[in-house]
Each structure stands twice: as C-alpha cells, then as structure tokens.
PDB file of all heavy atoms in Angstrom:
ATOM      1  N   LEU A   1      -8.815  -9.806   4.244  1.00  0.00           N
ATOM      2  CA  LEU A   1      -8.700 -10.652   3.044  1.00  0.00           C
ATOM      3  C   LEU A   1     -10.101 -10.834   2.446  1.00  0.00           C
ATOM      4  O   LEU A   1     -11.074 -11.060   3.148  1.00  0.00           O
ATOM      5  CB  LEU A   1      -8.073 -11.975   3.362  1.00  0.00           C
ATOM      6  CG  LEU A   1      -6.524 -12.031   3.283  1.00  0.00           C
ATOM      7  CD1 LEU A   1      -5.927 -11.096   4.348  1.00  0.00           C
ATOM      8  CD2 LEU A   1      -5.994 -13.443   3.470  1.00  0.00           C
ATOM      9  N   GLY A   2     -10.203 -10.723   1.117  1.00  0.00           N
ATOM     10  CA  GLY A   2     -11.488 -10.825   0.432  1.00  0.00           C
ATOM     11  C   GLY A   2     -12.172  -9.483   0.255  1.00  0.00           C
ATOM     12  O   GLY A   2     -13.251  -9.437  -0.385  1.00  0.00           O
ATOM     13  N   ALA A   3     -11.593  -8.440   0.814  1.00  0.00           N
ATOM     14  CA  ALA A   3     -12.195  -7.086   0.658  1.00  0.00           C
ATOM     15  C   ALA A   3     -11.370  -6.256  -0.322  1.00  0.00           C
ATOM     16  O   ALA A   3     -10.215  -6.517  -0.562  1.00  0.00           O
ATOM     17  CB  ALA A   3     -12.210  -6.389   2.045  1.00  0.00           C
ATOM     18  N   PRO A   4     -11.999  -5.255  -0.930  1.00  0.00           N
ATOM     19  CA  PRO A   4     -11.223  -4.420  -1.881  1.00  0.00           C
ATOM     20  C   PRO A   4     -10.076  -3.684  -1.137  1.00  0.00           C
ATOM     21  O   PRO A   4     -10.212  -3.290   0.013  1.00  0.00           O
ATOM     22  CB  PRO A   4     -12.292  -3.413  -2.328  1.00  0.00           C
ATOM     23  CG  PRO A   4     -13.597  -4.050  -2.064  1.00  0.00           C
ATOM     24  CD  PRO A   4     -13.416  -4.863  -0.859  1.00  0.00           C
ATOM     25  N   VAL A   5      -8.970  -3.564  -1.817  1.00  0.00           N
ATOM     26  CA  VAL A   5      -7.843  -2.889  -1.220  1.00  0.00           C
ATOM     27  C   VAL A   5      -8.160  -1.448  -0.908  1.00  0.00           C
ATOM     28  O   VAL A   5      -7.569  -0.823  -0.043  1.00  0.00           O
ATOM     29  CB  VAL A   5      -6.560  -2.991  -2.124  1.00  0.00           C
ATOM     30  CG1 VAL A   5      -6.760  -2.190  -3.434  1.00  0.00           C
ATOM     31  CG2 VAL A   5      -5.317  -2.589  -1.393  1.00  0.00           C
ATOM     32  N   THR A   6      -9.111  -0.892  -1.630  1.00  0.00           N
ATOM     33  CA  THR A   6      -9.507   0.508  -1.402  1.00  0.00           C
ATOM     34  C   THR A   6     -10.236   0.685  -0.091  1.00  0.00           C
ATOM     35  O   THR A   6     -10.516   1.831   0.382  1.00  0.00           O
ATOM     36  CB  THR A   6     -10.411   1.035  -2.522  1.00  0.00           C
ATOM     37  OG1 THR A   6     -11.449   0.056  -2.751  1.00  0.00           O
ATOM     38  CG2 THR A   6      -9.592   1.205  -3.826  1.00  0.00           C
ATOM     39  N   ASP A   7     -10.562  -0.425   0.601  1.00  0.00           N
ATOM     40  CA  ASP A   7     -11.171  -0.341   1.943  1.00  0.00           C
ATOM     41  C   ASP A   7     -10.174   0.069   2.990  1.00  0.00           C
ATOM     42  O   ASP A   7     -10.535   0.509   4.095  1.00  0.00           O
ATOM     43  CB  ASP A   7     -11.800  -1.669   2.345  1.00  0.00           C
ATOM     44  CG  ASP A   7     -13.145  -1.901   1.686  1.00  0.00           C
ATOM     45  OD1 ASP A   7     -13.602  -1.009   0.905  1.00  0.00           O
ATOM     46  OD2 ASP A   7     -13.741  -2.955   1.950  1.00  0.00           O
ATOM     47  N   ILE A   8      -8.855  -0.064   2.686  1.00  0.00           N
ATOM     48  CA  ILE A   8      -7.826   0.356   3.628  1.00  0.00           C
ATOM     49  C   ILE A   8      -7.904   1.870   3.764  1.00  0.00           C
ATOM     50  O   ILE A   8      -7.850   2.586   2.760  1.00  0.00           O
ATOM     51  CB  ILE A   8      -6.434  -0.084   3.198  1.00  0.00           C
ATOM     52  CG1 ILE A   8      -6.352  -1.582   3.088  1.00  0.00           C
ATOM     53  CG2 ILE A   8      -5.381   0.459   4.151  1.00  0.00           C
ATOM     54  CD1 ILE A   8      -5.007  -2.113   2.545  1.00  0.00           C
ATOM     55  N   PRO A   9      -8.107   2.420   4.953  1.00  0.00           N
ATOM     56  CA  PRO A   9      -8.260   3.884   5.118  1.00  0.00           C
ATOM     57  C   PRO A   9      -6.972   4.644   4.836  1.00  0.00           C
ATOM     58  O   PRO A   9      -6.029   4.529   5.575  1.00  0.00           O
ATOM     59  CB  PRO A   9      -8.693   4.020   6.574  1.00  0.00           C
ATOM     60  CG  PRO A   9      -8.144   2.782   7.263  1.00  0.00           C
ATOM     61  CD  PRO A   9      -8.192   1.717   6.264  1.00  0.00           C
ATOM     62  N   GLU A  10      -6.945   5.388   3.749  1.00  0.00           N
ATOM     63  CA  GLU A  10      -5.726   6.038   3.302  1.00  0.00           C
ATOM     64  C   GLU A  10      -5.315   7.148   4.292  1.00  0.00           C
ATOM     65  O   GLU A  10      -4.107   7.521   4.324  1.00  0.00           O
ATOM     66  CB  GLU A  10      -5.912   6.594   1.899  1.00  0.00           C
ATOM     67  CG  GLU A  10      -6.052   5.463   0.889  1.00  0.00           C
ATOM     68  CD  GLU A  10      -6.435   5.932  -0.493  1.00  0.00           C
ATOM     69  OE1 GLU A  10      -6.616   7.143  -0.658  1.00  0.00           O
ATOM     70  OE2 GLU A  10      -6.532   5.094  -1.410  1.00  0.00           O
ATOM     71  N   MET A  11      -6.217   7.701   5.063  1.00  0.00           N
ATOM     72  CA  MET A  11      -5.857   8.717   6.047  1.00  0.00           C
ATOM     73  C   MET A  11      -5.097   8.137   7.235  1.00  0.00           C
ATOM     74  O   MET A  11      -4.508   8.892   7.996  1.00  0.00           O
ATOM     75  CB  MET A  11      -7.153   9.434   6.524  1.00  0.00           C
ATOM     76  CG  MET A  11      -7.825  10.241   5.481  1.00  0.00           C
ATOM     77  SD  MET A  11      -6.827  11.596   4.863  1.00  0.00           S
ATOM     78  CE  MET A  11      -6.720  12.616   6.340  1.00  0.00           C
ATOM     79  N   GLU A  12      -5.073   6.811   7.392  1.00  0.00           N
ATOM     80  CA  GLU A  12      -4.460   6.186   8.512  1.00  0.00           C
ATOM     81  C   GLU A  12      -3.095   5.583   8.181  1.00  0.00           C
ATOM     82  O   GLU A  12      -2.390   5.041   9.051  1.00  0.00           O
ATOM     83  CB  GLU A  12      -5.356   5.051   9.073  1.00  0.00           C
ATOM     84  CG  GLU A  12      -6.729   5.517   9.507  1.00  0.00           C
ATOM     85  CD  GLU A  12      -6.690   6.450  10.727  1.00  0.00           C
ATOM     86  OE1 GLU A  12      -5.652   6.480  11.393  1.00  0.00           O
ATOM     87  OE2 GLU A  12      -7.697   7.100  10.959  1.00  0.00           O
ATOM     88  N   VAL A  13      -2.713   5.649   6.902  1.00  0.00           N
ATOM     89  CA  VAL A  13      -1.377   5.058   6.478  1.00  0.00           C
ATOM     90  C   VAL A  13      -0.633   6.081   5.639  1.00  0.00           C
ATOM     91  O   VAL A  13      -1.174   7.132   5.249  1.00  0.00           O
ATOM     92  CB  VAL A  13      -1.632   3.746   5.685  1.00  0.00           C
ATOM     93  CG1 VAL A  13      -2.390   2.718   6.525  1.00  0.00           C
ATOM     94  CG2 VAL A  13      -2.379   4.025   4.378  1.00  0.00           C
ATOM     95  N   VAL A  14       0.619   5.745   5.338  1.00  0.00           N
ATOM     96  CA  VAL A  14       1.450   6.639   4.525  1.00  0.00           C
ATOM     97  C   VAL A  14       2.244   5.779   3.523  1.00  0.00           C
ATOM     98  O   VAL A  14       2.330   4.545   3.621  1.00  0.00           O
ATOM     99  CB  VAL A  14       2.427   7.422   5.409  1.00  0.00           C
ATOM    100  CG1 VAL A  14       1.681   8.405   6.329  1.00  0.00           C
ATOM    101  CG2 VAL A  14       3.338   6.495   6.254  1.00  0.00           C
ATOM    102  N   ASP A  15       2.864   6.478   2.576  1.00  0.00           N
ATOM    103  CA  ASP A  15       3.808   5.875   1.613  1.00  0.00           C
ATOM    104  C   ASP A  15       3.221   4.667   0.827  1.00  0.00           C
ATOM    105  O   ASP A  15       3.844   3.635   0.665  1.00  0.00           O
ATOM    106  CB  ASP A  15       5.039   5.380   2.357  1.00  0.00           C
ATOM    107  CG  ASP A  15       5.819   6.492   3.025  1.00  0.00           C
ATOM    108  OD1 ASP A  15       5.640   7.636   2.605  1.00  0.00           O
ATOM    109  OD2 ASP A  15       6.568   6.199   3.980  1.00  0.00           O
ATOM    110  N   ILE A  16       2.011   4.838   0.326  1.00  0.00           N
ATOM    111  CA  ILE A  16       1.400   3.759  -0.481  1.00  0.00           C
ATOM    112  C   ILE A  16       2.236   3.643  -1.767  1.00  0.00           C
ATOM    113  O   ILE A  16       2.499   4.605  -2.479  1.00  0.00           O
ATOM    114  CB  ILE A  16      -0.029   4.117  -0.827  1.00  0.00           C
ATOM    115  CG1 ILE A  16      -0.857   4.343   0.427  1.00  0.00           C
ATOM    116  CG2 ILE A  16      -0.676   3.006  -1.684  1.00  0.00           C
ATOM    117  CD1 ILE A  16      -2.238   4.949   0.170  1.00  0.00           C
ATOM    118  N   SER A  17       2.732   2.425  -2.066  1.00  0.00           N
ATOM    119  CA  SER A  17       3.653   2.223  -3.167  1.00  0.00           C
ATOM    120  C   SER A  17       3.601   0.775  -3.620  1.00  0.00           C
ATOM    121  O   SER A  17       2.960  -0.084  -2.988  1.00  0.00           O
ATOM    122  CB  SER A  17       5.103   2.510  -2.725  1.00  0.00           C
ATOM    123  OG  SER A  17       5.218   3.733  -2.096  1.00  0.00           O
ATOM    124  N   CYS A  18       4.200   0.471  -4.734  1.00  0.00           N
ATOM    125  CA  CYS A  18       4.419  -0.888  -5.158  1.00  0.00           C
ATOM    126  C   CYS A  18       5.500  -1.499  -4.270  1.00  0.00           C
ATOM    127  O   CYS A  18       6.481  -0.840  -3.963  1.00  0.00           O
ATOM    128  CB  CYS A  18       4.843  -0.969  -6.638  1.00  0.00           C
ATOM    129  SG  CYS A  18       3.622  -0.308  -7.765  1.00  0.00           S
ATOM    130  N   GLY A  19       5.289  -2.723  -3.835  1.00  0.00           N
ATOM    131  CA  GLY A  19       6.214  -3.366  -2.969  1.00  0.00           C
ATOM    132  C   GLY A  19       7.374  -4.046  -3.722  1.00  0.00           C
ATOM    133  O   GLY A  19       7.299  -4.208  -4.950  1.00  0.00           O
ATOM    134  N   THR A  20       8.438  -4.386  -2.981  1.00  0.00           N
ATOM    135  CA  THR A  20       9.608  -5.035  -3.587  1.00  0.00           C
ATOM    136  C   THR A  20       9.991  -6.291  -2.845  1.00  0.00           C
ATOM    137  O   THR A  20      11.162  -6.564  -2.648  1.00  0.00           O
ATOM    138  CB  THR A  20      10.795  -4.011  -3.672  1.00  0.00           C
ATOM    139  OG1 THR A  20      11.104  -3.588  -2.356  1.00  0.00           O
ATOM    140  CG2 THR A  20      10.462  -2.847  -4.571  1.00  0.00           C
ATOM    141  N   ASN A  21       9.047  -7.013  -2.368  1.00  0.00           N
ATOM    142  CA  ASN A  21       9.271  -8.297  -1.727  1.00  0.00           C
ATOM    143  C   ASN A  21      10.178  -8.140  -0.484  1.00  0.00           C
ATOM    144  O   ASN A  21      11.188  -8.853  -0.341  1.00  0.00           O
ATOM    145  CB  ASN A  21       9.860  -9.330  -2.718  1.00  0.00           C
ATOM    146  CG  ASN A  21       9.713 -10.723  -2.221  1.00  0.00           C
ATOM    147  OD1 ASN A  21       8.945 -11.016  -1.318  1.00  0.00           O
ATOM    148  ND2 ASN A  21      10.466 -11.644  -2.814  1.00  0.00           N
ATOM    149  N   GLY A  22       9.798  -7.233   0.362  1.00  0.00           N
ATOM    150  CA  GLY A  22      10.551  -7.023   1.624  1.00  0.00           C
ATOM    151  C   GLY A  22      11.546  -5.889   1.551  1.00  0.00           C
ATOM    152  O   GLY A  22      12.081  -5.480   2.573  1.00  0.00           O
ATOM    153  N   GLY A  23      11.846  -5.358   0.384  1.00  0.00           N
ATOM    154  CA  GLY A  23      12.776  -4.268   0.252  1.00  0.00           C
ATOM    155  C   GLY A  23      12.025  -2.910   0.373  1.00  0.00           C
ATOM    156  O   GLY A  23      10.881  -2.837   0.702  1.00  0.00           O
ATOM    157  N   PRO A  24      12.717  -1.824   0.077  1.00  0.00           N
ATOM    158  CA  PRO A  24      12.088  -0.501   0.179  1.00  0.00           C
ATOM    159  C   PRO A  24      11.004  -0.358  -0.902  1.00  0.00           C
ATOM    160  O   PRO A  24      11.034  -1.019  -1.928  1.00  0.00           O
ATOM    161  CB  PRO A  24      13.281   0.478  -0.082  1.00  0.00           C
ATOM    162  CG  PRO A  24      14.285  -0.349  -0.874  1.00  0.00           C
ATOM    163  CD  PRO A  24      14.159  -1.757  -0.327  1.00  0.00           C
ATOM    164  N   PRO A  25      10.062   0.550  -0.726  1.00  0.00           N
ATOM    165  CA  PRO A  25       8.995   0.739  -1.679  1.00  0.00           C
ATOM    166  C   PRO A  25       9.532   1.275  -2.990  1.00  0.00           C
ATOM    167  O   PRO A  25      10.572   1.935  -3.025  1.00  0.00           O
ATOM    168  CB  PRO A  25       8.081   1.796  -0.987  1.00  0.00           C
ATOM    169  CG  PRO A  25       8.984   2.491  -0.046  1.00  0.00           C
ATOM    170  CD  PRO A  25       9.923   1.484   0.462  1.00  0.00           C
ATOM    171  N   SER A  26       8.833   0.954  -4.090  1.00  0.00           N
ATOM    172  CA  SER A  26       9.285   1.420  -5.410  1.00  0.00           C
ATOM    173  C   SER A  26       8.293   2.502  -5.933  1.00  0.00           C
ATOM    174  O   SER A  26       8.280   3.606  -5.395  1.00  0.00           O
ATOM    175  CB  SER A  26       9.390   0.266  -6.356  1.00  0.00           C
ATOM    176  OG  SER A  26       8.171  -0.436  -6.535  1.00  0.00           O
ATOM    177  N   THR A  27       7.511   2.183  -6.947  1.00  0.00           N
ATOM    178  CA  THR A  27       6.640   3.194  -7.555  1.00  0.00           C
ATOM    179  C   THR A  27       5.617   3.734  -6.606  1.00  0.00           C
ATOM    180  O   THR A  27       4.774   2.986  -6.075  1.00  0.00           O
ATOM    181  CB  THR A  27       5.956   2.560  -8.816  1.00  0.00           C
ATOM    182  OG1 THR A  27       6.907   2.017  -9.688  1.00  0.00           O
ATOM    183  CG2 THR A  27       5.123   3.641  -9.487  1.00  0.00           C
ATOM    184  N   PRO A  28       5.619   5.055  -6.323  1.00  0.00           N
ATOM    185  CA  PRO A  28       4.639   5.612  -5.424  1.00  0.00           C
ATOM    186  C   PRO A  28       3.225   5.585  -6.065  1.00  0.00           C
ATOM    187  O   PRO A  28       3.118   5.737  -7.267  1.00  0.00           O
ATOM    188  CB  PRO A  28       5.116   7.056  -5.224  1.00  0.00           C
ATOM    189  CG  PRO A  28       6.515   7.092  -5.710  1.00  0.00           C
ATOM    190  CD  PRO A  28       6.608   6.033  -6.760  1.00  0.00           C
ATOM    191  N   LEU A  29       2.225   5.364  -5.247  1.00  0.00           N
ATOM    192  CA  LEU A  29       0.837   5.383  -5.696  1.00  0.00           C
ATOM    193  C   LEU A  29       0.103   6.504  -4.968  1.00  0.00           C
ATOM    194  O   LEU A  29       0.280   6.705  -3.761  1.00  0.00           O
ATOM    195  CB  LEU A  29       0.179   4.046  -5.368  1.00  0.00           C
ATOM    196  CG  LEU A  29       0.859   2.760  -5.959  1.00  0.00           C
ATOM    197  CD1 LEU A  29       0.080   1.541  -5.518  1.00  0.00           C
ATOM    198  CD2 LEU A  29       0.965   2.842  -7.471  1.00  0.00           C
TER     199      LEU A  29
END
C-alpha cells in the first residue's frame, strides 16, 4: 500500500483485469 500498482511484478501474475467486486474479471488489461 502506498506504492505504484506498476510495482506488482507482471511476470509473477496472470489475468490482469478490471475487478467486479468479488465476481469474475471484466475488462482485460
């Protein structure tokens, strides 16, 4: 918290998307 979201290592995660408040992901990023 307090760090840029771009600090999250994209090589370590998948399916970056807009969230839906606990539901499935929506718009892919």
